[in-house]
Amino acid sequence: AAVRLANAAAGAGIELTEPAEGKVSFKA
């Protein structure tokens, strides 16, 4: 769920982490 949410929300200039403890982080 976290991976799909992150992929849906992230645009240009954002990189995503692997899920950890159910959370995905967005980084510049």
mmCIF file of all heavy atoms, coordinates in Angstrom:
data_MODEL
# 
_entry.id   MODEL 
# 
loop_
_atom_site.group_PDB 
_atom_site.id 
_atom_site.type_symbol 
_atom_site.label_atom_id 
_atom_site.label_alt_id 
_atom_site.label_comp_id 
_atom_site.label_asym_id 
_atom_site.label_entity_id 
_atom_site.label_seq_id 
_atom_site.pdbx_PDB_ins_code 
_atom_site.Cartn_x 
_atom_site.Cartn_y 
_atom_site.Cartn_z 
_atom_site.occupancy 
_atom_site.B_iso_or_equiv 
_atom_site.pdbx_formal_charge 
_atom_site.auth_seq_id 
_atom_site.auth_comp_id 
_atom_site.auth_asym_id 
_atom_site.auth_atom_id 
_atom_site.pdbx_PDB_model_num 
ATOM 1   N N   . ALA A 1 1  ? 0.834  -1.208 0.000   1.00 0.00 ? 1  ALA A N   1 
ATOM 2   C CA  . ALA A 1 1  ? 0.000  0.000  0.000   1.00 0.00 ? 1  ALA A CA  1 
ATOM 3   C C   . ALA A 1 1  ? 0.865  1.253  0.000   1.00 0.00 ? 1  ALA A C   1 
ATOM 4   O O   . ALA A 1 1  ? 0.611  2.208  -0.756  1.00 0.00 ? 1  ALA A O   1 
ATOM 5   C CB  . ALA A 1 1  ? -0.919 -0.009 1.215   1.00 0.00 ? 1  ALA A CB  1 
ATOM 6   N N   . ALA A 1 2  ? 1.907  1.273  0.836   1.00 0.00 ? 2  ALA A N   1 
ATOM 7   C CA  . ALA A 1 2  ? 2.772  2.448  0.926   1.00 0.00 ? 2  ALA A CA  1 
ATOM 8   C C   . ALA A 1 2  ? 3.481  2.717  -0.402  1.00 0.00 ? 2  ALA A C   1 
ATOM 9   O O   . ALA A 1 2  ? 3.607  3.872  -0.832  1.00 0.00 ? 2  ALA A O   1 
ATOM 10  C CB  . ALA A 1 2  ? 3.788  2.276  2.043   1.00 0.00 ? 2  ALA A CB  1 
ATOM 11  N N   . VAL A 1 3  ? 3.944  1.649  -1.058  1.00 0.00 ? 3  VAL A N   1 
ATOM 12  C CA  . VAL A 1 3  ? 4.618  1.807  -2.353  1.00 0.00 ? 3  VAL A CA  1 
ATOM 13  C C   . VAL A 1 3  ? 3.659  2.397  -3.380  1.00 0.00 ? 3  VAL A C   1 
ATOM 14  O O   . VAL A 1 3  ? 4.013  3.317  -4.136  1.00 0.00 ? 3  VAL A O   1 
ATOM 15  C CB  . VAL A 1 3  ? 5.181  0.451  -2.836  1.00 0.00 ? 3  VAL A CB  1 
ATOM 16  C CG1 . VAL A 1 3  ? 5.641  0.548  -4.287  1.00 0.00 ? 3  VAL A CG1 1 
ATOM 17  C CG2 . VAL A 1 3  ? 6.326  0.017  -1.943  1.00 0.00 ? 3  VAL A CG2 1 
ATOM 18  N N   . ARG A 1 4  ? 2.436  1.898  -3.424  1.00 0.00 ? 4  ARG A N   1 
ATOM 19  C CA  . ARG A 1 4  ? 1.471  2.393  -4.400  1.00 0.00 ? 4  ARG A CA  1 
ATOM 20  C C   . ARG A 1 4  ? 1.052  3.824  -4.095  1.00 0.00 ? 4  ARG A C   1 
ATOM 21  O O   . ARG A 1 4  ? 0.899  4.646  -5.013  1.00 0.00 ? 4  ARG A O   1 
ATOM 22  C CB  . ARG A 1 4  ? 0.257  1.458  -4.455  1.00 0.00 ? 4  ARG A CB  1 
ATOM 23  C CG  . ARG A 1 4  ? 0.577  0.133  -5.139  1.00 0.00 ? 4  ARG A CG  1 
ATOM 24  C CD  . ARG A 1 4  ? -0.591 -0.824 -5.168  1.00 0.00 ? 4  ARG A CD  1 
ATOM 25  N NE  . ARG A 1 4  ? -1.769 -0.279 -5.840  1.00 0.00 ? 4  ARG A NE  1 
ATOM 26  C CZ  . ARG A 1 4  ? -2.864 -0.991 -6.090  1.00 0.00 ? 4  ARG A CZ  1 
ATOM 27  N NH1 . ARG A 1 4  ? -2.920 -2.278 -5.725  1.00 0.00 ? 4  ARG A NH1 1 
ATOM 28  N NH2 . ARG A 1 4  ? -3.898 -0.445 -6.708  1.00 0.00 ? 4  ARG A NH2 1 
ATOM 29  N N   . LEU A 1 5  ? 0.886  4.157  -2.830  1.00 0.00 ? 5  LEU A N   1 
ATOM 30  C CA  . LEU A 1 5  ? 0.555  5.534  -2.460  1.00 0.00 ? 5  LEU A CA  1 
ATOM 31  C C   . LEU A 1 5  ? 1.666  6.488  -2.876  1.00 0.00 ? 5  LEU A C   1 
ATOM 32  O O   . LEU A 1 5  ? 1.415  7.564  -3.439  1.00 0.00 ? 5  LEU A O   1 
ATOM 33  C CB  . LEU A 1 5  ? 0.330  5.635  -0.945  1.00 0.00 ? 5  LEU A CB  1 
ATOM 34  C CG  . LEU A 1 5  ? -0.928 4.982  -0.379  1.00 0.00 ? 5  LEU A CG  1 
ATOM 35  C CD1 . LEU A 1 5  ? -0.864 4.967  1.154   1.00 0.00 ? 5  LEU A CD1 1 
ATOM 36  C CD2 . LEU A 1 5  ? -2.177 5.725  -0.849  1.00 0.00 ? 5  LEU A CD2 1 
ATOM 37  N N   . ALA A 1 6  ? 2.905  6.097  -2.598  1.00 0.00 ? 6  ALA A N   1 
ATOM 38  C CA  . ALA A 1 6  ? 4.046  6.955  -2.914  1.00 0.00 ? 6  ALA A CA  1 
ATOM 39  C C   . ALA A 1 6  ? 4.189  7.153  -4.420  1.00 0.00 ? 6  ALA A C   1 
ATOM 40  O O   . ALA A 1 6  ? 4.417  8.269  -4.897  1.00 0.00 ? 6  ALA A O   1 
ATOM 41  C CB  . ALA A 1 6  ? 5.320  6.355  -2.333  1.00 0.00 ? 6  ALA A CB  1 
ATOM 42  N N   . ASN A 1 7  ? 4.048  6.073  -5.172  1.00 0.00 ? 7  ASN A N   1 
ATOM 43  C CA  . ASN A 1 7  ? 4.160  6.177  -6.628  1.00 0.00 ? 7  ASN A CA  1 
ATOM 44  C C   . ASN A 1 7  ? 3.062  7.049  -7.222  1.00 0.00 ? 7  ASN A C   1 
ATOM 45  O O   . ASN A 1 7  ? 3.283  7.756  -8.210  1.00 0.00 ? 7  ASN A O   1 
ATOM 46  C CB  . ASN A 1 7  ? 4.128  4.788  -7.267  1.00 0.00 ? 7  ASN A CB  1 
ATOM 47  C CG  . ASN A 1 7  ? 5.438  4.038  -7.108  1.00 0.00 ? 7  ASN A CG  1 
ATOM 48  O OD1 . ASN A 1 7  ? 6.505  4.629  -7.120  1.00 0.00 ? 7  ASN A OD1 1 
ATOM 49  N ND2 . ASN A 1 7  ? 5.366  2.727  -6.946  1.00 0.00 ? 7  ASN A ND2 1 
ATOM 50  N N   . ALA A 1 8  ? 1.898  7.017  -6.602  1.00 0.00 ? 8  ALA A N   1 
ATOM 51  C CA  . ALA A 1 8  ? 0.783  7.837  -7.096  1.00 0.00 ? 8  ALA A CA  1 
ATOM 52  C C   . ALA A 1 8  ? 1.013  9.320  -6.830  1.00 0.00 ? 8  ALA A C   1 
ATOM 53  O O   . ALA A 1 8  ? 0.649  10.172 -7.642  1.00 0.00 ? 8  ALA A O   1 
ATOM 54  C CB  . ALA A 1 8  ? -0.528 7.385  -6.447  1.00 0.00 ? 8  ALA A CB  1 
ATOM 55  N N   . ALA A 1 9  ? 1.648  9.643  -5.698  1.00 0.00 ? 9  ALA A N   1 
ATOM 56  C CA  . ALA A 1 9  ? 1.753  11.034 -5.271  1.00 0.00 ? 9  ALA A CA  1 
ATOM 57  C C   . ALA A 1 9  ? 3.013  11.741 -5.732  1.00 0.00 ? 9  ALA A C   1 
ATOM 58  O O   . ALA A 1 9  ? 3.034  12.962 -5.875  1.00 0.00 ? 9  ALA A O   1 
ATOM 59  C CB  . ALA A 1 9  ? 1.677  11.097 -3.739  1.00 0.00 ? 9  ALA A CB  1 
ATOM 60  N N   . ALA A 1 10 ? 4.089  10.981 -5.971  1.00 0.00 ? 10 ALA A N   1 
ATOM 61  C CA  . ALA A 1 10 ? 5.384  11.600 -6.245  1.00 0.00 ? 10 ALA A CA  1 
ATOM 62  C C   . ALA A 1 10 ? 5.501  12.074 -7.684  1.00 0.00 ? 10 ALA A C   1 
ATOM 63  O O   . ALA A 1 10 ? 5.139  11.364 -8.618  1.00 0.00 ? 10 ALA A O   1 
ATOM 64  C CB  . ALA A 1 10 ? 6.507  10.612 -5.935  1.00 0.00 ? 10 ALA A CB  1 
ATOM 65  N N   . GLY A 1 11 ? 6.011  13.292 -7.845  1.00 0.00 ? 11 GLY A N   1 
ATOM 66  C CA  . GLY A 1 11 ? 6.256  13.846 -9.168  1.00 0.00 ? 11 GLY A CA  1 
ATOM 67  C C   . GLY A 1 11 ? 7.731  14.039 -9.421  1.00 0.00 ? 11 GLY A C   1 
ATOM 68  O O   . GLY A 1 11 ? 8.578  13.407 -8.783  1.00 0.00 ? 11 GLY A O   1 
ATOM 69  N N   . ALA A 1 12 ? 8.056  14.938 -10.330 1.00 0.00 ? 12 ALA A N   1 
ATOM 70  C CA  . ALA A 1 12 ? 9.444  15.189 -10.706 1.00 0.00 ? 12 ALA A CA  1 
ATOM 71  C C   . ALA A 1 12 ? 10.247 15.670 -9.501  1.00 0.00 ? 12 ALA A C   1 
ATOM 72  O O   . ALA A 1 12 ? 9.740  16.374 -8.636  1.00 0.00 ? 12 ALA A O   1 
ATOM 73  C CB  . ALA A 1 12 ? 9.500  16.236 -11.816 1.00 0.00 ? 12 ALA A CB  1 
ATOM 74  N N   . GLY A 1 13 ? 11.520 15.260 -9.461  1.00 0.00 ? 13 GLY A N   1 
ATOM 75  C CA  . GLY A 1 13 ? 12.408 15.711 -8.395  1.00 0.00 ? 13 GLY A CA  1 
ATOM 76  C C   . GLY A 1 13 ? 12.255 14.979 -7.090  1.00 0.00 ? 13 GLY A C   1 
ATOM 77  O O   . GLY A 1 13 ? 12.843 15.362 -6.078  1.00 0.00 ? 13 GLY A O   1 
ATOM 78  N N   . ILE A 1 14 ? 11.487 13.882 -7.098  1.00 0.00 ? 14 ILE A N   1 
ATOM 79  C CA  . ILE A 1 14 ? 11.262 13.091 -5.878  1.00 0.00 ? 14 ILE A CA  1 
ATOM 80  C C   . ILE A 1 14 ? 11.806 11.684 -6.091  1.00 0.00 ? 14 ILE A C   1 
ATOM 81  O O   . ILE A 1 14 ? 11.536 11.056 -7.114  1.00 0.00 ? 14 ILE A O   1 
ATOM 82  C CB  . ILE A 1 14 ? 9.758  12.991 -5.532  1.00 0.00 ? 14 ILE A CB  1 
ATOM 83  C CG1 . ILE A 1 14 ? 9.139  14.365 -5.319  1.00 0.00 ? 14 ILE A CG1 1 
ATOM 84  C CG2 . ILE A 1 14 ? 9.555  12.087 -4.325  1.00 0.00 ? 14 ILE A CG2 1 
ATOM 85  C CD1 . ILE A 1 14 ? 9.483  15.011 -4.008  1.00 0.00 ? 14 ILE A CD1 1 
ATOM 86  N N   . GLU A 1 15 ? 12.570 11.185 -5.130  1.00 0.00 ? 15 GLU A N   1 
ATOM 87  C CA  . GLU A 1 15 ? 12.961 9.786  -5.146  1.00 0.00 ? 15 GLU A CA  1 
ATOM 88  C C   . GLU A 1 15 ? 12.372 9.103  -3.914  1.00 0.00 ? 15 GLU A C   1 
ATOM 89  O O   . GLU A 1 15 ? 12.245 9.721  -2.853  1.00 0.00 ? 15 GLU A O   1 
ATOM 90  C CB  . GLU A 1 15 ? 14.475 9.621  -5.198  1.00 0.00 ? 15 GLU A CB  1 
ATOM 91  C CG  . GLU A 1 15 ? 15.255 10.289 -4.088  1.00 0.00 ? 15 GLU A CG  1 
ATOM 92  C CD  . GLU A 1 15 ? 16.760 10.159 -4.300  1.00 0.00 ? 15 GLU A CD  1 
ATOM 93  O OE1 . GLU A 1 15 ? 17.169 9.650  -5.368  1.00 0.00 ? 15 GLU A OE1 1 
ATOM 94  O OE2 . GLU A 1 15 ? 17.509 10.577 -3.402  1.00 0.00 ? 15 GLU A OE2 1 
ATOM 95  N N   . LEU A 1 16 ? 12.027 7.839  -4.066  1.00 0.00 ? 16 LEU A N   1 
ATOM 96  C CA  . LEU A 1 16 ? 11.319 7.103  -3.021  1.00 0.00 ? 16 LEU A CA  1 
ATOM 97  C C   . LEU A 1 16 ? 12.216 6.039  -2.406  1.00 0.00 ? 16 LEU A C   1 
ATOM 98  O O   . LEU A 1 16 ? 13.017 5.409  -3.093  1.00 0.00 ? 16 LEU A O   1 
ATOM 99  C CB  . LEU A 1 16 ? 10.065 6.452  -3.600  1.00 0.00 ? 16 LEU A CB  1 
ATOM 100 C CG  . LEU A 1 16 ? 9.078  7.390  -4.291  1.00 0.00 ? 16 LEU A CG  1 
ATOM 101 C CD1 . LEU A 1 16 ? 7.962  6.598  -4.952  1.00 0.00 ? 16 LEU A CD1 1 
ATOM 102 C CD2 . LEU A 1 16 ? 8.505  8.391  -3.300  1.00 0.00 ? 16 LEU A CD2 1 
ATOM 103 N N   . THR A 1 17 ? 12.063 5.834  -1.100  1.00 0.00 ? 17 THR A N   1 
ATOM 104 C CA  . THR A 1 17 ? 12.801 4.786  -0.415  1.00 0.00 ? 17 THR A CA  1 
ATOM 105 C C   . THR A 1 17 ? 12.026 3.475  -0.499  1.00 0.00 ? 17 THR A C   1 
ATOM 106 O O   . THR A 1 17 ? 10.844 3.450  -0.857  1.00 0.00 ? 17 THR A O   1 
ATOM 107 C CB  . THR A 1 17 ? 13.008 5.136  1.063   1.00 0.00 ? 17 THR A CB  1 
ATOM 108 O OG1 . THR A 1 17 ? 11.727 5.153  1.728   1.00 0.00 ? 17 THR A OG1 1 
ATOM 109 C CG2 . THR A 1 17 ? 13.684 6.487  1.211   1.00 0.00 ? 17 THR A CG2 1 
ATOM 110 N N   . GLU A 1 18 ? 12.700 2.409  -0.167  1.00 0.00 ? 18 GLU A N   1 
ATOM 111 C CA  . GLU A 1 18 ? 12.013 1.128  -0.014  1.00 0.00 ? 18 GLU A CA  1 
ATOM 112 C C   . GLU A 1 18 ? 11.146 1.204  1.239   1.00 0.00 ? 18 GLU A C   1 
ATOM 113 O O   . GLU A 1 18 ? 11.457 1.941  2.180   1.00 0.00 ? 18 GLU A O   1 
ATOM 114 C CB  . GLU A 1 18 ? 13.028 -0.010 0.122   1.00 0.00 ? 18 GLU A CB  1 
ATOM 115 C CG  . GLU A 1 18 ? 13.841 -0.270 -1.140  1.00 0.00 ? 18 GLU A CG  1 
ATOM 116 C CD  . GLU A 1 18 ? 12.973 -0.757 -2.282  1.00 0.00 ? 18 GLU A CD  1 
ATOM 117 O OE1 . GLU A 1 18 ? 12.055 -1.565 -2.033  1.00 0.00 ? 18 GLU A OE1 1 
ATOM 118 O OE2 . GLU A 1 18 ? 13.211 -0.308 -3.426  1.00 0.00 ? 18 GLU A OE2 1 
ATOM 119 N N   . PRO A 1 19 ? 10.049 0.451  1.289   1.00 0.00 ? 19 PRO A N   1 
ATOM 120 C CA  . PRO A 1 19 ? 9.217  0.487  2.487   1.00 0.00 ? 19 PRO A CA  1 
ATOM 121 C C   . PRO A 1 19 ? 9.957  -0.045 3.705   1.00 0.00 ? 19 PRO A C   1 
ATOM 122 O O   . PRO A 1 19 ? 10.678 -1.038 3.625   1.00 0.00 ? 19 PRO A O   1 
ATOM 123 C CB  . PRO A 1 19 ? 8.022  -0.399 2.124   1.00 0.00 ? 19 PRO A CB  1 
ATOM 124 C CG  . PRO A 1 19 ? 8.500  -1.264 1.001   1.00 0.00 ? 19 PRO A CG  1 
ATOM 125 C CD  . PRO A 1 19 ? 9.506  -0.452 0.249   1.00 0.00 ? 19 PRO A CD  1 
ATOM 126 N N   . ALA A 1 20 ? 9.784  0.632  4.827   1.00 0.00 ? 20 ALA A N   1 
ATOM 127 C CA  . ALA A 1 20 ? 10.380 0.210  6.099   1.00 0.00 ? 20 ALA A CA  1 
ATOM 128 C C   . ALA A 1 20 ? 9.359  0.451  7.186   1.00 0.00 ? 20 ALA A C   1 
ATOM 129 O O   . ALA A 1 20 ? 8.837  1.564  7.314   1.00 0.00 ? 20 ALA A O   1 
ATOM 130 C CB  . ALA A 1 20 ? 11.658 0.993  6.385   1.00 0.00 ? 20 ALA A CB  1 
ATOM 131 N N   . GLU A 1 21 ? 9.032  -0.598 7.926   1.00 0.00 ? 21 GLU A N   1 
ATOM 132 C CA  . GLU A 1 21 ? 7.998  -0.509 8.961   1.00 0.00 ? 21 GLU A CA  1 
ATOM 133 C C   . GLU A 1 21 ? 6.700  0.028  8.382   1.00 0.00 ? 21 GLU A C   1 
ATOM 134 O O   . GLU A 1 21 ? 5.978  0.782  9.016   1.00 0.00 ? 21 GLU A O   1 
ATOM 135 C CB  . GLU A 1 21 ? 8.469  0.369  10.115  1.00 0.00 ? 21 GLU A CB  1 
ATOM 136 C CG  . GLU A 1 21 ? 9.745  -0.133 10.772  1.00 0.00 ? 21 GLU A CG  1 
ATOM 137 C CD  . GLU A 1 21 ? 10.229 0.817  11.844  1.00 0.00 ? 21 GLU A CD  1 
ATOM 138 O OE1 . GLU A 1 21 ? 9.623  0.821  12.936  1.00 0.00 ? 21 GLU A OE1 1 
ATOM 139 O OE2 . GLU A 1 21 ? 11.205 1.546  11.585  1.00 0.00 ? 21 GLU A OE2 1 
ATOM 140 N N   . GLY A 1 22 ? 6.422  -0.344 7.136   1.00 0.00 ? 22 GLY A N   1 
ATOM 141 C CA  . GLY A 1 22 ? 5.161  0.042  6.503   1.00 0.00 ? 22 GLY A CA  1 
ATOM 142 C C   . GLY A 1 22 ? 5.159  1.433  5.911   1.00 0.00 ? 22 GLY A C   1 
ATOM 143 O O   . GLY A 1 22 ? 4.128  1.877  5.393   1.00 0.00 ? 22 GLY A O   1 
ATOM 144 N N   . LYS A 1 23 ? 6.297  2.138  5.933   1.00 0.00 ? 23 LYS A N   1 
ATOM 145 C CA  . LYS A 1 23 ? 6.338  3.539  5.464   1.00 0.00 ? 23 LYS A CA  1 
ATOM 146 C C   . LYS A 1 23 ? 7.303  3.677  4.301   1.00 0.00 ? 23 LYS A C   1 
ATOM 147 O O   . LYS A 1 23 ? 8.364  3.066  4.270   1.00 0.00 ? 23 LYS A O   1 
ATOM 148 C CB  . LYS A 1 23 ? 6.786  4.448  6.602   1.00 0.00 ? 23 LYS A CB  1 
ATOM 149 C CG  . LYS A 1 23 ? 6.881  5.926  6.240   1.00 0.00 ? 23 LYS A CG  1 
ATOM 150 C CD  . LYS A 1 23 ? 7.444  6.746  7.382   1.00 0.00 ? 23 LYS A CD  1 
ATOM 151 C CE  . LYS A 1 23 ? 8.925  6.521  7.546   1.00 0.00 ? 23 LYS A CE  1 
ATOM 152 N NZ  . LYS A 1 23 ? 9.517  7.387  8.587   1.00 0.00 ? 23 LYS A NZ  1 
ATOM 153 N N   . VAL A 1 24 ? 6.921  4.537  3.336   1.00 0.00 ? 24 VAL A N   1 
ATOM 154 C CA  . VAL A 1 24 ? 7.819  4.934  2.255   1.00 0.00 ? 24 VAL A CA  1 
ATOM 155 C C   . VAL A 1 24 ? 8.107  6.423  2.415   1.00 0.00 ? 24 VAL A C   1 
ATOM 156 O O   . VAL A 1 24 ? 7.194  7.229  2.636   1.00 0.00 ? 24 VAL A O   1 
ATOM 157 C CB  . VAL A 1 24 ? 7.200  4.660  0.871   1.00 0.00 ? 24 VAL A CB  1 
ATOM 158 C CG1 . VAL A 1 24 ? 8.025  5.315  -0.238  1.00 0.00 ? 24 VAL A CG1 1 
ATOM 159 C CG2 . VAL A 1 24 ? 7.101  3.155  0.619   1.00 0.00 ? 24 VAL A CG2 1 
ATOM 160 N N   . SER A 1 25 ? 9.372  6.800  2.308   1.00 0.00 ? 25 SER A N   1 
ATOM 161 C CA  . SER A 1 25 ? 9.769  8.206  2.441   1.00 0.00 ? 25 SER A CA  1 
ATOM 162 C C   . SER A 1 25 ? 10.043 8.816  1.067   1.00 0.00 ? 25 SER A C   1 
ATOM 163 O O   . SER A 1 25 ? 10.501 8.143  0.145   1.00 0.00 ? 25 SER A O   1 
ATOM 164 C CB  . SER A 1 25 ? 11.027 8.326  3.312   1.00 0.00 ? 25 SER A CB  1 
ATOM 165 O OG  . SER A 1 25 ? 10.755 7.895  4.634   1.00 0.00 ? 25 SER A OG  1 
ATOM 166 N N   . PHE A 1 26 ? 9.756  10.123 0.963   1.00 0.00 ? 26 PHE A N   1 
ATOM 167 C CA  . PHE A 1 26 ? 10.007 10.893 -0.251  1.00 0.00 ? 26 PHE A CA  1 
ATOM 168 C C   . PHE A 1 26 ? 11.226 11.782 0.022   1.00 0.00 ? 26 PHE A C   1 
ATOM 169 O O   . PHE A 1 26 ? 11.249 12.504 1.021   1.00 0.00 ? 26 PHE A O   1 
ATOM 170 C CB  . PHE A 1 26 ? 8.847  11.825 -0.581  1.00 0.00 ? 26 PHE A CB  1 
ATOM 171 C CG  . PHE A 1 26 ? 7.508  11.163 -0.805  1.00 0.00 ? 26 PHE A CG  1 
ATOM 172 C CD1 . PHE A 1 26 ? 6.914  10.364 0.163   1.00 0.00 ? 26 PHE A CD1 1 
ATOM 173 C CD2 . PHE A 1 26 ? 6.811  11.379 -1.991  1.00 0.00 ? 26 PHE A CD2 1 
ATOM 174 C CE1 . PHE A 1 26 ? 5.666  9.790  -0.026  1.00 0.00 ? 26 PHE A CE1 1 
ATOM 175 C CE2 . PHE A 1 26 ? 5.562  10.811 -2.202  1.00 0.00 ? 26 PHE A CE2 1 
ATOM 176 C CZ  . PHE A 1 26 ? 4.992  10.013 -1.230  1.00 0.00 ? 26 PHE A CZ  1 
ATOM 177 N N   . LYS A 1 27 ? 12.206 11.776 -0.884  1.00 0.00 ? 27 LYS A N   1 
ATOM 178 C CA  . LYS A 1 27 ? 13.379 12.626 -0.717  1.00 0.00 ? 27 LYS A CA  1 
ATOM 179 C C   . LYS A 1 27 ? 13.621 13.444 -1.981  1.00 0.00 ? 27 LYS A C   1 
ATOM 180 O O   . LYS A 1 27 ? 13.314 13.002 -3.092  1.00 0.00 ? 27 LYS A O   1 
ATOM 181 C CB  . LYS A 1 27 ? 14.612 11.782 -0.390  1.00 0.00 ? 27 LYS A CB  1 
ATOM 182 C CG  . LYS A 1 27 ? 14.508 11.082 0.962   1.00 0.00 ? 27 LYS A CG  1 
ATOM 183 C CD  . LYS A 1 27 ? 15.797 10.377 1.340   1.00 0.00 ? 27 LYS A CD  1 
ATOM 184 C CE  . LYS A 1 27 ? 15.698 9.760  2.730   1.00 0.00 ? 27 LYS A CE  1 
ATOM 185 N NZ  . LYS A 1 27 ? 16.959 9.104  3.136   1.00 0.00 ? 27 LYS A NZ  1 
ATOM 186 N N   . ALA A 1 28 ? 14.177 14.648 -1.787  1.00 0.00 ? 28 ALA A N   1 
ATOM 187 C CA  . ALA A 1 28 ? 14.459 15.517 -2.924  1.00 0.00 ? 28 ALA A CA  1 
ATOM 188 C C   . ALA A 1 28 ? 15.646 14.983 -3.716  1.00 0.00 ? 28 ALA A C   1 
ATOM 189 O O   . ALA A 1 28 ? 16.665 14.609 -3.144  1.00 0.00 ? 28 ALA A O   1 
ATOM 190 C CB  . ALA A 1 28 ? 14.749 16.930 -2.433  1.00 0.00 ? 28 ALA A CB  1 
# 
